[in-house]
Protein backbone atom coordinates (compact mmCIF):
# COMPACT_ATOMS: atom_id res chain seq x y z
CA UNK A 1 14.21 -21.97 11.85
CA UNK A 2 15.42 -20.42 8.66
CA UNK A 3 15.11 -16.85 7.58
CA UNK A 4 13.48 -17.87 4.46
CA UNK A 5 10.63 -19.28 6.49
CA UNK A 6 10.14 -16.20 8.65
CA UNK A 7 10.19 -14.08 5.59
CA UNK A 8 7.17 -16.37 3.97
CA UNK A 9 4.96 -16.21 6.89
CA UNK A 10 5.43 -12.58 7.58
CA UNK A 11 4.25 -11.81 3.77
CA UNK A 12 1.29 -14.17 4.75
CA UNK A 13 0.37 -12.18 7.79
CA UNK A 14 0.57 -8.93 5.71
CA UNK A 15 -2.16 -10.61 3.39
CA UNK A 16 -4.33 -12.08 6.38
CA UNK A 17 -4.15 -8.39 7.97
CA UNK A 18 -5.51 -6.55 4.75
CA UNK A 19 -8.26 -9.26 4.42
CA UNK A 20 -9.30 -8.86 7.74
CA UNK A 21 -9.39 -5.10 7.66
CA UNK A 22 -11.12 -4.98 4.36
CA UNK A 23 -14.10 -6.79 6.18
CA UNK A 24 -14.31 -3.55 8.63
CA UNK A 25 -13.68 -1.28 5.77
CA UNK A 26 -16.52 -1.85 3.10
CA UNK A 27 -15.98 1.38 0.89
CA UNK A 28 -12.32 0.63 -0.09
CA UNK A 29 -9.96 -1.97 -0.93
CA UNK A 30 -6.05 -2.27 -0.57
CA UNK A 31 -3.79 -1.55 -3.45
CA UNK A 32 -0.67 -3.53 -3.60
CA UNK A 33 2.60 -1.92 -4.91
CA UNK A 34 5.83 -4.08 -5.42
CA UNK A 35 9.27 -2.78 -5.16
CA UNK A 36 12.90 -3.73 -5.25
CA UNK A 37 15.91 -2.71 -3.35
CA UNK A 38 18.95 -2.07 -5.43
CA UNK A 39 21.25 -3.36 -2.55
CA UNK A 40 19.15 -6.41 -2.18
CA UNK A 41 15.56 -7.27 -1.60
CA UNK A 42 12.37 -5.63 -1.83
CA UNK A 43 8.83 -5.66 -0.48
CA UNK A 44 5.23 -5.03 -1.17
CA UNK A 45 3.35 -2.00 0.11
CA UNK A 46 -0.57 -2.31 0.46
CA UNK A 47 -2.33 0.97 0.79
CA UNK A 48 -6.08 2.04 1.27
CA UNK A 49 -7.62 5.54 0.95
CA UNK A 50 -10.84 7.16 1.18
CA UNK A 51 -12.83 4.45 3.05
CA UNK A 52 -15.90 5.09 5.05
CA UNK A 53 -13.62 4.35 8.31
CA UNK A 54 -9.95 4.63 6.78
CA UNK A 55 -8.91 7.78 5.33
CA UNK A 56 -5.53 6.20 4.90
CA UNK A 57 -3.79 3.07 5.79
CA UNK A 58 -0.54 1.12 4.85
CA UNK A 59 0.36 -2.31 5.75
CA UNK A 60 3.76 -2.92 4.42
CA UNK A 61 5.89 -6.04 4.10
CA UNK A 62 9.62 -5.96 3.52
CA UNK A 63 12.57 -8.56 3.10
CA UNK A 64 16.04 -6.61 2.42
CA UNK A 65 19.53 -7.72 2.76
CA UNK A 66 22.96 -6.51 2.20
CA UNK A 67 26.12 -5.16 3.64
CA UNK A 68 26.25 -3.33 6.61
CA UNK A 69 27.03 0.35 5.62
CA UNK A 70 29.16 2.91 7.77
CA UNK A 71 25.84 4.57 7.97
CA UNK A 72 24.12 1.74 9.72
CA UNK A 73 27.11 1.15 11.82
CA UNK A 74 27.17 4.68 13.04
CA UNK A 75 23.40 5.14 13.48
CA UNK A 76 22.21 1.86 14.35
CA UNK A 77 25.24 0.42 16.22
CA UNK A 78 25.28 -2.65 14.18
CA UNK A 79 28.29 -5.01 14.03
CA UNK A 80 28.80 -7.69 11.24
CA UNK A 81 29.63 -7.71 7.56
CA UNK A 82 25.84 -8.28 6.41
CA UNK A 83 22.58 -8.27 7.40
CA UNK A 84 18.86 -9.71 6.39
CA UNK A 85 15.71 -7.91 7.89
CA UNK A 86 12.29 -8.60 7.09
CA UNK A 87 8.88 -7.66 8.93
CA UNK A 88 5.30 -6.11 8.73
CA UNK A 89 4.49 -2.64 9.65
CA UNK A 90 1.15 -0.90 9.86
CA UNK A 91 -0.62 2.53 10.37
CA UNK A 92 -4.00 3.40 9.96
CA UNK A 93 -5.54 7.01 10.15
CA UNK A 94 -9.22 6.96 10.32
CA UNK A 95 -11.62 9.22 8.80
CA UNK A 96 -13.53 10.13 12.03
CA UNK A 97 -12.04 11.98 14.89
CA UNK A 98 -13.67 9.51 17.58
CA UNK A 99 -11.78 6.54 15.95
CA UNK A 100 -8.18 6.07 16.94
CA UNK A 101 -4.90 5.84 14.98
CA UNK A 102 -3.19 2.27 15.47
CA UNK A 103 0.27 1.12 14.71
CA UNK A 104 1.82 -2.23 14.84
CA UNK A 105 5.09 -3.63 13.45
CA UNK A 106 6.97 -7.07 14.02
CA UNK A 107 10.07 -7.52 12.56
CA UNK A 108 13.02 -9.98 12.33
CA UNK A 109 16.71 -9.13 12.05
CA UNK A 110 20.08 -11.14 11.90
CA UNK A 111 23.71 -10.64 11.09
CA UNK A 112 26.11 -12.69 9.30
CA UNK A 113 27.89 -13.35 12.87
CA UNK A 114 24.98 -15.58 13.77
CA UNK A 115 23.20 -12.88 16.09
CA UNK A 116 19.60 -12.49 15.55
CA UNK A 117 16.68 -10.53 17.03
CA UNK A 118 12.87 -10.19 17.03
CA UNK A 119 11.21 -6.71 17.62
CA UNK A 120 7.81 -5.08 17.44
CA UNK A 121 5.05 -3.45 18.96
CA UNK A 122 1.41 -2.18 18.93
CA UNK A 123 0.15 1.17 20.26
CA UNK A 124 -3.01 3.27 20.09
CA UNK A 125 -3.31 6.74 19.44
CA UNK A 126 -6.74 8.13 20.17
CA UNK A 127 -7.65 12.11 19.15
CA UNK A 128 -9.89 11.67 22.26
CA UNK A 129 -8.92 9.60 25.06
CA UNK A 130 -11.61 7.06 26.44
CA UNK A 131 -10.49 5.54 29.63
CA UNK A 132 -12.61 2.28 28.86
CA UNK A 133 -11.49 1.68 25.32
CA UNK A 134 -7.96 2.06 26.53
CA UNK A 135 -8.74 -0.59 29.52
CA UNK A 136 -10.00 -2.99 26.66
CA UNK A 137 -7.09 -2.55 24.56
CA UNK A 138 -4.39 -3.09 27.31
CA UNK A 139 -6.50 -6.18 28.37
CA UNK A 140 -6.21 -7.78 25.24
CA UNK A 141 -2.50 -7.20 24.76
CA UNK A 142 -2.11 -8.43 28.36
CA UNK A 143 -3.64 -11.66 27.86
CA UNK A 144 -1.78 -12.30 24.50
CA UNK A 145 1.30 -11.57 26.21
CA UNK A 146 0.56 -14.01 29.12
CA UNK A 147 0.02 -16.86 26.68
CA UNK A 148 3.82 -16.76 25.94
CA UNK A 149 5.55 -15.37 28.92
CA UNK A 150 4.00 -14.20 32.59
CA UNK A 151 6.60 -11.15 32.45
CA UNK A 152 5.77 -9.77 28.81
CA UNK A 153 3.29 -7.37 29.44
CA UNK A 154 4.85 -6.07 32.63
CA UNK A 155 8.19 -5.64 30.71
CA UNK A 156 6.91 -4.42 27.28
CA UNK A 157 3.96 -1.97 28.48
CA UNK A 158 6.23 0.52 30.25
CA UNK A 159 8.72 0.04 27.24
CA UNK A 160 5.97 1.25 24.93
CA UNK A 161 5.13 3.94 27.36
CA UNK A 162 8.91 5.39 27.21
CA UNK A 163 9.33 4.66 23.39
CA UNK A 164 6.21 6.33 22.13
CA UNK A 165 6.47 9.36 23.82
CA UNK A 166 7.18 13.00 22.54
CA UNK A 167 9.57 14.37 25.34
CA UNK A 168 9.84 17.81 23.44
CA UNK A 169 6.06 18.30 24.18
CA UNK A 170 6.20 16.50 27.43
CA UNK A 171 3.31 14.04 26.21
CA UNK A 172 2.79 10.53 25.15
CA UNK A 173 1.81 9.87 21.58
CA UNK A 174 -1.47 8.09 22.76
CA UNK A 175 -2.24 5.64 25.38
CA UNK A 176 0.67 3.16 24.77
CA UNK A 177 0.58 -0.50 24.38
CA UNK A 178 3.57 -3.12 23.90
CA UNK A 179 6.97 -2.65 22.47
CA UNK A 180 9.83 -4.81 22.38
CA UNK A 181 13.30 -4.97 20.56
CA UNK A 182 16.27 -7.22 20.33
CA UNK A 183 14.64 -10.28 21.97
CA UNK A 184 16.38 -13.49 21.48
CA UNK A 185 16.36 -16.96 23.46
CA UNK A 186 17.95 -14.94 26.45
CA UNK A 187 14.28 -13.71 27.15
CA UNK A 188 13.28 -17.28 27.98
CA UNK A 189 11.60 -18.14 25.03
CA UNK A 190 13.09 -20.26 21.91
CA UNK A 191 13.25 -18.50 18.43
CA UNK A 192 10.35 -20.43 17.03
CA UNK A 193 8.08 -19.14 20.16
CA UNK A 194 9.47 -15.62 19.73
CA UNK A 195 8.54 -15.64 16.08
CA UNK A 196 4.82 -17.34 16.85
CA UNK A 197 4.40 -14.53 19.36
CA UNK A 198 4.96 -11.84 16.66
CA UNK A 199 2.73 -13.67 14.47
CA UNK A 200 -0.16 -14.03 16.98
CA UNK A 201 0.39 -10.37 17.69
CA UNK A 202 -0.17 -9.59 14.02
CA UNK A 203 -3.14 -11.78 13.80
CA UNK A 204 -4.62 -9.96 16.93
CA UNK A 205 -4.10 -6.52 15.45
CA UNK A 206 -7.33 -6.36 13.18
CA UNK A 207 -9.48 -7.81 15.97
CA UNK A 208 -8.04 -4.93 18.42
CA UNK A 209 -8.96 -2.40 15.86
CA UNK A 210 -12.31 -3.58 15.17
CA UNK A 211 -13.14 -3.69 18.91
CA UNK A 212 -12.04 0.08 19.16
CA UNK A 213 -14.12 0.98 15.83
CA UNK A 214 -17.30 -0.91 17.43
CA UNK A 215 -16.61 0.34 20.75
CA UNK A 216 -19.21 3.41 20.60
CA UNK A 217 -21.32 4.59 17.82
CA UNK A 218 -20.19 7.99 16.18
CA UNK A 219 -22.29 10.62 14.74
CA UNK A 220 -21.20 13.26 12.24
CA UNK A 221 -17.96 14.82 13.25
CA UNK A 222 -18.17 18.42 14.21
CA UNK A 223 -15.77 21.23 12.90
CA UNK A 224 -14.01 21.16 16.17
CA UNK A 225 -13.52 17.49 16.31
CA UNK A 226 -11.79 17.69 12.51
CA UNK A 227 -9.61 20.32 13.92
CA UNK A 228 -8.39 18.17 16.87
CA UNK A 229 -7.87 15.62 14.61
CA UNK A 230 -5.57 17.68 12.59
CA UNK A 231 -3.63 18.82 15.65
CA UNK A 232 -3.04 15.33 17.05
CA UNK A 233 -1.95 13.88 13.59
CA UNK A 234 0.65 16.70 13.82
CA UNK A 235 1.96 15.27 16.84
CA UNK A 236 2.27 11.82 15.05
CA UNK A 237 4.32 13.36 12.34
CA UNK A 238 6.61 14.75 14.95
CA UNK A 239 7.08 11.47 16.71
CA UNK A 240 7.65 9.61 13.29
CA UNK A 241 10.08 12.15 12.04
CA UNK A 242 12.11 12.80 15.37
CA UNK A 243 12.13 9.66 17.16
CA UNK A 244 10.91 6.50 15.42
CA UNK A 245 13.77 3.98 15.09
CA UNK A 246 11.88 1.93 12.02
CA UNK A 247 11.90 5.50 10.09
CA UNK A 248 15.58 5.93 10.80
CA UNK A 249 16.62 2.26 10.13
CA UNK A 250 14.55 2.47 6.77
CA UNK A 251 16.34 5.80 5.86
CA UNK A 252 19.95 4.67 6.94
CA UNK A 253 19.59 0.96 5.28
CA UNK A 254 18.51 2.63 1.66
CA UNK A 255 14.94 1.52 2.09
CA UNK A 256 12.20 2.81 0.01
CA UNK A 257 11.17 6.18 1.17
CA UNK A 258 7.40 5.99 -0.14
CA UNK A 259 7.03 2.94 1.93
CA UNK A 260 8.98 4.02 5.09
CA UNK A 261 6.80 7.55 5.15
CA UNK A 262 3.51 5.68 4.39
CA UNK A 263 2.71 6.14 8.22
CA UNK A 264 2.19 9.74 7.72
CA UNK A 265 -1.60 11.11 7.89
CA UNK A 266 -3.01 12.49 4.62
CA UNK A 267 -3.56 15.78 6.33
CA UNK A 268 -2.08 17.48 9.50
CA UNK A 269 -1.95 20.76 11.32
CA UNK A 270 0.37 22.78 13.56
CA UNK A 271 -1.25 25.63 15.18
CA UNK A 272 1.04 28.26 16.71
CA UNK A 273 0.71 28.34 20.68
CA UNK A 274 -2.50 26.57 20.60
CA UNK A 275 -4.78 27.24 23.61
CA UNK A 276 -7.37 24.89 24.91
CA UNK A 277 -10.50 25.71 26.58
CA UNK A 278 -10.31 24.78 30.20
CA UNK A 279 -12.03 21.35 30.96
CA UNK A 280 -12.84 20.72 27.13
CA UNK A 281 -12.65 17.07 25.95
CA UNK A 282 -9.24 18.25 24.23
CA UNK A 283 -7.83 19.35 27.44
CA UNK A 284 -9.07 16.20 29.51
CA UNK A 285 -7.27 14.10 26.32
CA UNK A 286 -4.00 16.43 26.94
CA UNK A 287 -4.12 15.68 30.79
CA UNK A 288 -4.08 11.92 29.91
CA UNK A 289 -1.25 12.40 27.62
CA UNK A 290 0.75 14.15 30.23
CA UNK A 291 1.91 11.12 31.95
CA UNK A 292 2.06 7.53 31.89
CA UNK A 293 -0.90 5.39 32.96
CA UNK A 294 -1.61 2.11 34.70
CA UNK A 295 -4.48 1.28 32.72
CA UNK A 296 -4.86 -2.13 34.47
CA UNK A 297 -4.93 -1.09 38.04
């Protein structure tokens, strides 16, 4: 499978996801921003703001190539003289505190040495954790993983738990999902089937998010709910800046800063020494986020 085919289908996947999300979001539409990377390649960043569901969202496609820099070798451990990378990355920040933040990315990477791999993942970050909604999310992911490999969910779910966590807070970012990296034919799937898994995971994304939005009717948010949303968004920022590999790769490979940081929420807050009311919904959410959960026991 040629890299040009993967690049083209990832671009089509970006457009498909945006079209499906616009069926959920009736008030606003995606706007597209094309960009070029001086060292080679570029992409299209599609953003949406001020909707009835989405306060801010981004669906980014990129295909970049060039020399492996010293910074990439040092920070990312790459071996080779040149690279090619393409993928789709998505973050949606909802307007309502009872709707969750969601993230997904799928990516392909190859070196001039012939080494290649796929990576990606999808995870859900509710401001208020609903056990039932979390179970639904994980059931759908397990079914999709199982359609390609019987061990994928069992392998990728704990990988997501470990990855999407904030060790400096002793918290998870949300209720997890799946995460995978450096997957090639050694995992038991051909290159073509691994790529198809990435594409179908992307196609599942808007379906999963609609399920979460429709899971339970919401009323006008309270000031307390909005305040808690800002606090949880602050945790999201901490993870992206301190721990996220995609952010680091984008920066060290000379990517476009605006596109790399599109994942940031429009507003966030940090309250010093925050104290939560005992047995409150906010405290219950933190209890959920203080350890990993097997949602599909």
